[in-house]
């Protein structure tokens, strides 16, 4: 389909490019081919009026657990390790593949409604997450969460699962799906097993997605066990020798930050989840000033409890100002970069997405700014970081296809998904 978005305000997220007012974007099939003045001989299937709308790259949720929407509002106001061991892990042991499919599909609907076009997910039954992404039209990086067990054969099976997931899904769904390896954390995977996982990532020529230094307890236990921080431990055993998406990085020292910079690790800031689970806040401002590519994530819908990246942008652009007593900490534009081009770089996808440029894939969101809370229209960048709500999303385009228009998702039956998840979640709680 050839699509023209006309008369729109454009925030491209291209380095050094200012806001473009009253401009045009021409899309041929899945690719942006013209911006600005459009050649008169173009072929058109659809025209979208961009008046009183801002076009920007689709948002990227660089760390989440989509199937956990089944646990939303089930266990709250408890410390992270109690939350995991007493509530979440016992329920996860009862999950079926079909549960994860429906839970992931519900999460994907929520992400589309709030302007997210790409994600990085860690969970189980990842074939079902892939099936949901293919069906709804989202772009995603899939990582099968790997936790080491006492049984060596089970551990080998998890590596085989990841290889099979890569063979079945990497590059599929019109190129919208990638697969990385997903060791859960350095405290759930021992050094020798992590080395095996790294070798698998090298064999598949892909990246790695892992939780790092999320809590003080995790860091303290790492020093007790290994005599070093989780970041230093991961570097020393070679984990960072492959491109690494490092979720959280809350409790990192100056030495850790130097390692993250040296090894080109991409931390993912999850401010709402980290606040809700009392983990603390990552020193994002310090990392950004070191030139580290920091991305943004929601974490799972059971620990957040939503998947609204605009909420994370707002939080990221405000909380560090208070923490650092510095009104210049994490400016609005930096927070927006974290949710777009930085996320694309973290997921090794910046050649195709993360900014609106000629030659890139057409992952574009249109935000309706004809709303009382967005008047007057002084500064679009400030508006996007501090004022825009998820409900302001009007149109979502992924890979050149209109997935949502005027807040109507066109690819799945939203009511059916909500009803099914409600029924399955109730049944899951009582499941033996």
Protein backbone atom coordinates (compact mmCIF):
# COMPACT_ATOMS: atom_id res chain seq x y z
CA UNK A 1 0.00 0.00 0.00
CA UNK A 2 1.20 3.51 -0.88
CA UNK A 3 0.29 5.97 1.86
CA UNK A 4 0.60 9.74 2.20
CA UNK A 5 0.46 11.50 5.57
CA UNK A 6 -0.09 15.16 4.75
CA UNK A 7 0.06 18.47 6.63
CA UNK A 8 1.54 16.95 9.78
CA UNK A 9 3.94 18.23 12.45
CA UNK A 10 6.96 15.91 12.38
CA UNK A 11 9.36 15.02 15.18
CA UNK A 12 11.63 12.65 13.25
CA UNK A 13 14.14 11.91 16.08
CA UNK A 14 16.83 12.21 13.42
CA UNK A 15 19.91 13.71 15.03
CA UNK A 16 20.01 17.48 14.61
CA UNK A 17 16.72 17.74 12.72
CA UNK A 18 14.31 20.33 14.08
CA UNK A 19 10.56 19.98 14.33
CA UNK A 20 9.04 20.19 10.84
CA UNK A 21 5.68 21.95 10.67
CA UNK A 22 3.02 21.26 8.05
CA UNK A 23 5.05 18.63 6.24
CA UNK A 24 4.31 15.36 4.43
CA UNK A 25 5.46 11.74 4.70
CA UNK A 26 5.16 9.35 1.78
CA UNK A 27 5.28 5.59 2.40
CA UNK A 28 5.66 2.97 -0.32
CA UNK A 29 4.73 -0.48 0.96
CA UNK A 30 6.74 -0.77 4.22
CA UNK A 31 9.29 2.01 3.62
CA UNK A 32 9.41 5.80 3.98
CA UNK A 33 10.48 7.15 0.59
CA UNK A 34 9.78 10.91 0.71
CA UNK A 35 9.51 13.58 3.43
CA UNK A 36 8.60 17.22 2.87
CA UNK A 37 7.64 18.26 -0.62
CA UNK A 38 6.22 15.21 -2.36
CA UNK A 39 6.81 14.50 -6.05
CA UNK A 40 3.62 14.99 -8.09
CA UNK A 41 3.75 11.62 -9.88
CA UNK A 42 3.35 9.44 -6.79
CA UNK A 43 0.86 6.58 -6.69
CA UNK A 44 -1.58 6.72 -3.79
CA UNK A 45 -3.81 4.14 -2.14
CA UNK A 46 -4.56 6.16 1.01
CA UNK A 47 -4.19 9.72 2.28
CA UNK A 48 -4.15 10.43 6.01
CA UNK A 49 -4.78 14.00 7.12
CA UNK A 50 -2.14 14.98 9.67
CA UNK A 51 -3.61 18.37 10.58
CA UNK A 52 -3.45 19.01 14.36
CA UNK A 53 -1.37 15.89 14.77
CA UNK A 54 2.25 15.14 15.60
CA UNK A 55 3.99 12.33 13.74
CA UNK A 56 6.87 10.64 15.53
CA UNK A 57 8.56 7.24 15.41
CA UNK A 58 6.64 4.43 17.07
CA UNK A 59 7.66 3.92 20.68
CA UNK A 60 9.90 1.02 21.67
CA UNK A 61 9.32 -0.91 24.90
CA UNK A 62 12.79 -2.40 25.40
CA UNK A 63 12.01 -4.63 28.39
CA UNK A 64 8.80 -6.41 29.27
CA UNK A 65 7.12 -9.73 30.06
CA UNK A 66 3.94 -9.57 28.02
CA UNK A 67 2.28 -12.79 29.16
CA UNK A 68 2.18 -11.45 32.71
CA UNK A 69 -0.89 -9.36 31.95
CA UNK A 70 -2.75 -12.38 33.39
CA UNK A 71 -1.30 -11.39 36.79
CA UNK A 72 -2.09 -7.67 36.59
CA UNK A 73 -3.30 -6.35 39.97
CA UNK A 74 -3.02 -9.81 41.50
CA UNK A 75 -0.06 -9.26 43.88
CA UNK A 76 0.98 -5.76 44.89
CA UNK A 77 2.66 -3.76 47.64
CA UNK A 78 5.21 -6.45 48.49
CA UNK A 79 9.04 -6.52 48.09
CA UNK A 80 10.42 -7.86 44.82
CA UNK A 81 11.72 -11.20 46.10
CA UNK A 82 8.52 -11.90 48.06
CA UNK A 83 6.51 -10.85 45.01
CA UNK A 84 8.43 -13.33 42.85
CA UNK A 85 8.77 -16.29 45.19
CA UNK A 86 5.42 -16.20 47.02
CA UNK A 87 3.08 -14.99 44.29
CA UNK A 88 4.40 -14.88 40.72
CA UNK A 89 6.60 -17.97 40.34
CA UNK A 90 3.97 -20.34 41.86
CA UNK A 91 1.38 -19.05 39.38
CA UNK A 92 3.79 -19.12 36.45
CA UNK A 93 4.33 -22.81 37.14
CA UNK A 94 0.66 -23.33 36.21
CA UNK A 95 0.76 -21.37 32.93
CA UNK A 96 -0.03 -23.04 29.63
CA UNK A 97 1.02 -22.00 26.16
CA UNK A 98 -2.52 -20.83 25.42
CA UNK A 99 -2.50 -18.65 28.56
CA UNK A 100 0.63 -16.90 27.34
CA UNK A 101 -0.81 -16.39 23.87
CA UNK A 102 -3.91 -14.61 25.16
CA UNK A 103 -2.04 -12.66 27.85
CA UNK A 104 0.53 -11.49 25.30
CA UNK A 105 -2.16 -10.51 22.82
CA UNK A 106 -3.88 -8.40 25.48
CA UNK A 107 -0.56 -6.70 26.27
CA UNK A 108 0.05 -6.01 22.59
CA UNK A 109 -3.37 -4.36 22.28
CA UNK A 110 -2.52 -2.15 25.24
CA UNK A 111 0.84 -1.22 23.71
CA UNK A 112 -0.69 -0.29 20.37
CA UNK A 113 -3.30 1.90 22.08
CA UNK A 114 -0.46 3.80 23.77
CA UNK A 115 1.77 4.19 20.71
CA UNK A 116 4.24 1.32 21.07
CA UNK A 117 5.21 -0.33 17.79
CA UNK A 118 8.16 -2.52 18.90
CA UNK A 119 9.06 -4.42 22.06
CA UNK A 120 11.63 -6.72 23.64
CA UNK A 121 10.00 -9.54 25.59
CA UNK A 122 11.35 -12.18 27.96
CA UNK A 123 9.05 -15.01 28.96
CA UNK A 124 8.17 -18.66 28.23
CA UNK A 125 6.12 -20.25 25.47
CA UNK A 126 7.67 -17.68 23.17
CA UNK A 127 6.26 -19.34 20.06
CA UNK A 128 2.88 -18.14 21.32
CA UNK A 129 4.20 -14.59 21.78
CA UNK A 130 5.50 -14.75 18.22
CA UNK A 131 2.11 -15.99 17.00
CA UNK A 132 0.38 -13.08 18.73
CA UNK A 133 2.83 -10.53 17.31
CA UNK A 134 2.46 -11.92 13.80
CA UNK A 135 -1.32 -11.77 14.09
CA UNK A 136 -1.66 -8.25 15.51
CA UNK A 137 1.09 -6.68 13.40
CA UNK A 138 3.61 -5.59 16.06
CA UNK A 139 7.39 -5.64 15.75
CA UNK A 140 9.22 -7.53 18.49
CA UNK A 141 12.40 -9.06 19.85
CA UNK A 142 11.65 -12.39 21.50
CA UNK A 143 13.81 -13.93 24.24
CA UNK A 144 13.01 -17.21 25.92
CA UNK A 145 13.66 -16.60 29.62
CA UNK A 146 16.31 -19.02 30.88
CA UNK A 147 16.70 -19.94 34.56
CA UNK A 148 19.27 -22.59 35.46
CA UNK A 149 17.95 -25.70 37.19
CA UNK A 150 19.69 -28.56 39.01
CA UNK A 151 18.88 -30.96 36.16
CA UNK A 152 21.57 -30.60 33.42
CA UNK A 153 19.23 -32.08 30.84
CA UNK A 154 16.59 -29.41 31.53
CA UNK A 155 19.25 -26.73 31.11
CA UNK A 156 20.30 -28.19 27.75
CA UNK A 157 16.64 -28.31 26.74
CA UNK A 158 16.27 -24.56 27.39
CA UNK A 159 19.18 -23.81 25.07
CA UNK A 160 17.60 -26.07 22.44
CA UNK A 161 14.32 -24.17 22.89
CA UNK A 162 16.10 -20.89 22.18
CA UNK A 163 17.83 -22.29 19.09
CA UNK A 164 14.53 -23.65 17.82
CA UNK A 165 12.79 -20.33 18.50
CA UNK A 166 15.49 -18.57 16.47
CA UNK A 167 15.21 -21.02 13.58
CA UNK A 168 11.42 -20.80 13.51
CA UNK A 169 10.90 -17.09 14.00
CA UNK A 170 13.96 -14.89 13.46
CA UNK A 171 13.24 -12.63 10.47
CA UNK A 172 9.67 -13.90 10.11
CA UNK A 173 6.36 -11.99 10.02
CA UNK A 174 7.60 -9.75 7.18
CA UNK A 175 10.82 -9.13 9.09
CA UNK A 176 9.00 -7.86 12.19
CA UNK A 177 10.31 -10.56 14.54
CA UNK A 178 13.84 -11.00 15.88
CA UNK A 179 15.11 -13.53 18.39
CA UNK A 180 17.80 -12.99 21.03
CA UNK A 181 18.94 -15.22 23.90
CA UNK A 182 17.49 -14.49 27.33
CA UNK A 183 19.33 -15.59 30.49
CA UNK A 184 17.11 -14.32 33.31
CA UNK A 185 19.83 -12.86 35.56
CA UNK A 186 23.29 -13.56 36.98
CA UNK A 187 21.66 -14.74 40.22
CA UNK A 188 19.52 -17.37 38.43
CA UNK A 189 22.18 -18.55 35.97
CA UNK A 190 25.62 -19.67 37.15
CA UNK A 191 28.88 -18.63 35.42
CA UNK A 192 29.38 -21.83 33.41
CA UNK A 193 25.78 -21.83 32.19
CA UNK A 194 26.01 -18.14 31.25
CA UNK A 195 29.12 -18.97 29.20
CA UNK A 196 27.13 -21.64 27.32
CA UNK A 197 24.37 -19.11 26.69
CA UNK A 198 26.89 -16.58 25.34
CA UNK A 199 28.29 -19.21 22.98
CA UNK A 200 24.77 -19.84 21.69
CA UNK A 201 24.30 -16.09 21.07
CA UNK A 202 27.57 -16.03 19.13
CA UNK A 203 26.56 -19.09 17.13
CA UNK A 204 23.22 -17.47 16.21
CA UNK A 205 24.87 -14.06 15.64
CA UNK A 206 22.34 -12.37 17.88
CA UNK A 207 22.14 -10.33 21.08
CA UNK A 208 21.38 -11.08 24.71
CA UNK A 209 18.64 -9.81 27.05
CA UNK A 210 19.22 -10.07 30.83
CA UNK A 211 18.20 -8.49 34.17
CA UNK A 212 21.14 -6.72 35.83
CA UNK A 213 21.58 -5.06 39.25
CA UNK A 214 17.87 -4.51 39.84
CA UNK A 215 18.02 -4.55 43.65
CA UNK A 216 20.50 -3.85 46.45
CA UNK A 217 20.07 -7.45 47.61
CA UNK A 218 21.16 -8.75 44.22
CA UNK A 219 24.32 -6.62 44.30
CA UNK A 220 25.14 -7.54 47.90
CA UNK A 221 24.78 -11.25 47.17
CA UNK A 222 26.99 -10.90 44.09
CA UNK A 223 29.77 -9.42 46.22
CA UNK A 224 29.33 -12.21 48.79
CA UNK A 225 29.44 -14.94 46.15
CA UNK A 226 31.85 -13.56 43.54
CA UNK A 227 33.60 -10.64 45.27
CA UNK A 228 32.38 -8.22 42.61
CA UNK A 229 29.26 -6.46 41.31
CA UNK A 230 26.89 -8.18 38.87
CA UNK A 231 28.14 -5.86 36.10
CA UNK A 232 31.81 -6.71 36.73
CA UNK A 233 30.92 -10.40 37.09
CA UNK A 234 29.11 -10.44 33.74
CA UNK A 235 31.98 -8.67 32.02
CA UNK A 236 34.57 -11.05 33.46
CA UNK A 237 32.76 -14.19 32.26
CA UNK A 238 32.27 -12.76 28.77
CA UNK A 239 28.55 -12.00 28.72
CA UNK A 240 29.12 -8.48 27.42
CA UNK A 241 31.15 -9.80 24.49
CA UNK A 242 27.82 -10.06 22.65
CA UNK A 243 25.42 -7.10 22.25
CA UNK A 244 23.56 -6.91 25.55
CA UNK A 245 20.22 -5.40 26.56
CA UNK A 246 20.58 -5.00 30.34
CA UNK A 247 17.25 -4.45 32.07
CA UNK A 248 17.19 -2.15 35.10
CA UNK A 249 20.84 -1.35 36.07
CA UNK A 250 19.48 0.43 39.15
CA UNK A 251 22.32 -0.21 41.60
CA UNK A 252 25.40 0.48 39.51
CA UNK A 253 28.60 2.14 40.70
CA UNK A 254 30.83 4.53 38.76
CA UNK A 255 33.04 1.54 37.93
CA UNK A 256 30.00 -0.35 36.66
CA UNK A 257 29.01 2.60 34.49
CA UNK A 258 32.50 2.66 32.98
CA UNK A 259 32.14 -1.04 32.16
CA UNK A 260 28.70 -0.51 30.57
CA UNK A 261 30.21 2.25 28.43
CA UNK A 262 33.34 0.26 27.51
CA UNK A 263 31.36 -2.85 26.55
CA UNK A 264 28.63 -0.89 24.74
CA UNK A 265 25.90 -2.43 26.92
CA UNK A 266 22.42 -0.90 26.57
CA UNK A 267 20.72 -0.45 29.96
CA UNK A 268 16.92 -0.30 29.97
CA UNK A 269 15.36 2.10 32.46
CA UNK A 270 12.05 0.90 33.97
CA UNK A 271 11.19 3.76 36.34
CA UNK A 272 7.60 2.86 37.28
CA UNK A 273 8.32 -0.80 38.01
CA UNK A 274 11.49 0.06 39.92
CA UNK A 275 9.54 2.58 42.00
CA UNK A 276 6.60 0.26 42.68
CA UNK A 277 8.83 -2.63 43.77
CA UNK A 278 10.97 -0.24 45.88
CA UNK A 279 14.10 -1.14 43.90
CA UNK A 280 15.24 2.47 43.50
CA UNK A 281 16.07 4.55 40.45
CA UNK A 282 18.86 4.01 37.96
CA UNK A 283 21.45 6.82 37.64
CA UNK A 284 20.22 7.52 34.15
CA UNK A 285 21.53 11.07 33.90
CA UNK A 286 25.05 9.90 34.71
CA UNK A 287 24.82 7.11 32.13
CA UNK A 288 23.49 9.40 29.41
CA UNK A 289 26.26 11.92 30.05
CA UNK A 290 28.77 9.09 29.57
CA UNK A 291 27.32 8.47 26.12
CA UNK A 292 25.69 5.16 27.09
CA UNK A 293 22.67 4.18 24.99
CA UNK A 294 19.90 4.00 27.61
CA UNK A 295 16.56 2.62 26.42
CA UNK A 296 13.18 2.68 28.15
CA UNK A 297 10.86 -0.12 29.25
CA UNK A 298 7.77 -0.78 31.32
CA UNK A 299 8.81 -4.16 32.72
CA UNK A 300 5.86 -6.56 32.96
CA UNK A 301 2.21 -5.57 33.34
CA UNK A 302 2.16 -7.31 36.74
CA UNK A 303 4.91 -5.13 38.22
CA UNK A 304 4.10 -1.81 36.56
CA UNK A 305 0.96 -2.35 36.21
CA UNK A 306 0.59 -1.06 32.68
CA UNK A 307 2.51 -0.94 29.40
CA UNK A 308 2.23 2.78 28.70
CA UNK A 309 5.62 4.03 27.49
CA UNK A 310 4.42 7.65 27.48
CA UNK A 311 3.99 7.28 31.23
CA UNK A 312 7.59 6.04 31.43
CA UNK A 313 8.81 8.98 29.31
CA UNK A 314 7.10 11.38 31.70
CA UNK A 315 8.49 9.63 34.77
CA UNK A 316 12.01 9.35 33.28
CA UNK A 317 12.05 13.06 32.46
CA UNK A 318 10.92 14.12 35.93
CA UNK A 319 12.11 11.77 38.67
CA UNK A 320 15.83 12.14 37.96
CA UNK A 321 15.50 15.91 38.20
CA UNK A 322 14.28 15.49 41.77
CA UNK A 323 16.85 12.82 42.63
CA UNK A 324 19.74 14.94 41.34
CA UNK A 325 18.35 18.33 42.43
CA UNK A 326 18.97 19.38 38.84
CA UNK A 327 16.23 20.73 36.55
CA UNK A 328 18.43 19.90 33.54
CA UNK A 329 18.69 16.19 34.38
CA UNK A 330 17.22 13.94 31.64
CA UNK A 331 15.70 16.67 29.44
CA UNK A 332 12.48 15.98 27.55
CA UNK A 333 14.27 15.25 24.28
CA UNK A 334 16.57 12.71 25.96
CA UNK A 335 13.58 10.89 27.45
CA UNK A 336 11.98 10.75 24.00
CA UNK A 337 15.22 9.40 22.52
CA UNK A 338 15.24 6.66 25.15
CA UNK A 339 11.81 5.54 23.94
CA UNK A 340 12.64 5.69 20.22
CA UNK A 341 16.10 5.76 18.62
CA UNK A 342 17.91 4.52 21.74
CA UNK A 343 15.53 1.59 21.99
CA UNK A 344 16.15 0.82 18.33
CA UNK A 345 19.92 0.87 18.89
CA UNK A 346 19.60 -1.37 21.94
CA UNK A 347 17.63 -3.90 19.90
CA UNK A 348 20.08 -3.70 16.96
CA UNK A 349 17.30 -2.30 14.78
CA UNK A 350 18.33 1.36 14.35
CA UNK A 351 19.10 0.94 10.65
CA UNK A 352 15.39 0.27 10.10
CA UNK A 353 13.41 1.91 12.91
CA UNK A 354 13.66 4.44 15.74
CA UNK A 355 13.49 7.57 13.61
CA UNK A 356 11.44 8.82 10.67
CA UNK A 357 13.88 9.03 7.76
CA UNK A 358 13.83 8.21 4.07
CA UNK A 359 14.81 4.58 3.65
CA UNK A 360 13.64 3.41 7.07
CA UNK A 361 10.65 1.22 7.81
CA UNK A 362 7.37 3.05 8.32
CA UNK A 363 6.78 2.61 12.06
CA UNK A 364 4.95 5.87 12.76
CA UNK A 365 2.45 7.10 15.32
CA UNK A 366 0.12 10.09 14.95
CA UNK A 367 -0.79 11.93 18.14
CA UNK A 368 -3.93 14.07 18.27
CA UNK A 369 -2.92 17.43 19.79
CA UNK A 370 -6.37 18.97 19.49
CA UNK A 371 -6.98 18.32 23.19
CA UNK A 372 -7.43 20.78 26.08
CA UNK A 373 -4.43 19.42 28.01
CA UNK A 374 -2.18 20.04 24.99
CA UNK A 375 -3.09 23.69 24.35
CA UNK A 376 -1.41 26.09 23.71
CA UNK A 377 1.01 24.54 21.25
CA UNK A 378 4.25 26.12 22.43
CA UNK A 379 6.78 23.28 22.31
CA UNK A 380 5.92 19.88 20.81
CA UNK A 381 8.87 18.16 22.51
CA UNK A 382 7.80 19.31 25.97
CA UNK A 383 4.21 18.38 25.16
CA UNK A 384 5.22 14.84 24.23
CA UNK A 385 7.29 14.31 27.37
CA UNK A 386 5.16 16.08 29.95
CA UNK A 387 1.57 16.38 28.68
CA UNK A 388 0.64 13.68 26.16
CA UNK A 389 -1.48 10.76 27.39
CA UNK A 390 -1.82 7.29 25.90
CA UNK A 391 -5.38 8.18 24.95
CA UNK A 392 -4.03 10.86 22.57
CA UNK A 393 -2.82 8.17 20.14
CA UNK A 394 -4.90 8.46 16.98
CA UNK A 395 -3.13 6.31 14.37
CA UNK A 396 -0.46 3.60 14.58
CA UNK A 397 1.41 2.47 11.47
CA UNK A 398 3.79 -0.51 11.64
CA UNK A 399 5.83 -1.69 8.66
CA UNK A 400 3.73 0.58 6.46
CA UNK A 401 0.39 -0.93 7.55
CA UNK A 402 -2.26 0.99 9.45
CA UNK A 403 -2.76 -1.12 12.58
CA UNK A 404 -4.88 1.44 14.46
CA UNK A 405 -6.84 4.36 13.00
CA UNK A 406 -8.91 6.80 15.03
CA UNK A 407 -8.25 4.51 18.02
CA UNK A 408 -9.71 1.46 16.31
CA UNK A 409 -7.38 -1.53 16.14
CA UNK A 410 -7.93 -3.26 12.84
CA UNK A 411 -6.11 -6.57 13.21
CA UNK A 412 -7.74 -8.36 16.19
CA UNK A 413 -11.06 -8.51 18.02
CA UNK A 414 -10.24 -6.45 21.13
CA UNK A 415 -13.39 -7.34 23.07
CA UNK A 416 -12.87 -11.06 22.48
CA UNK A 417 -9.30 -10.83 23.79
CA UNK A 418 -10.34 -8.95 26.93
CA UNK A 419 -13.14 -11.42 27.66
CA UNK A 420 -10.90 -14.44 27.09
CA UNK A 421 -8.11 -13.12 29.33
CA UNK A 422 -10.60 -12.36 32.11
CA UNK A 423 -11.91 -15.93 32.02
CA UNK A 424 -8.48 -17.56 31.75
CA UNK A 425 -7.00 -15.43 34.55
CA UNK A 426 -9.80 -16.37 36.96
CA UNK A 427 -9.42 -20.04 36.10
CA UNK A 428 -5.61 -19.82 36.47
CA UNK A 429 -5.76 -18.56 40.06
CA UNK A 430 -7.72 -21.65 41.15
CA UNK A 431 -5.84 -24.09 38.95
CA UNK A 432 -4.22 -27.04 40.76
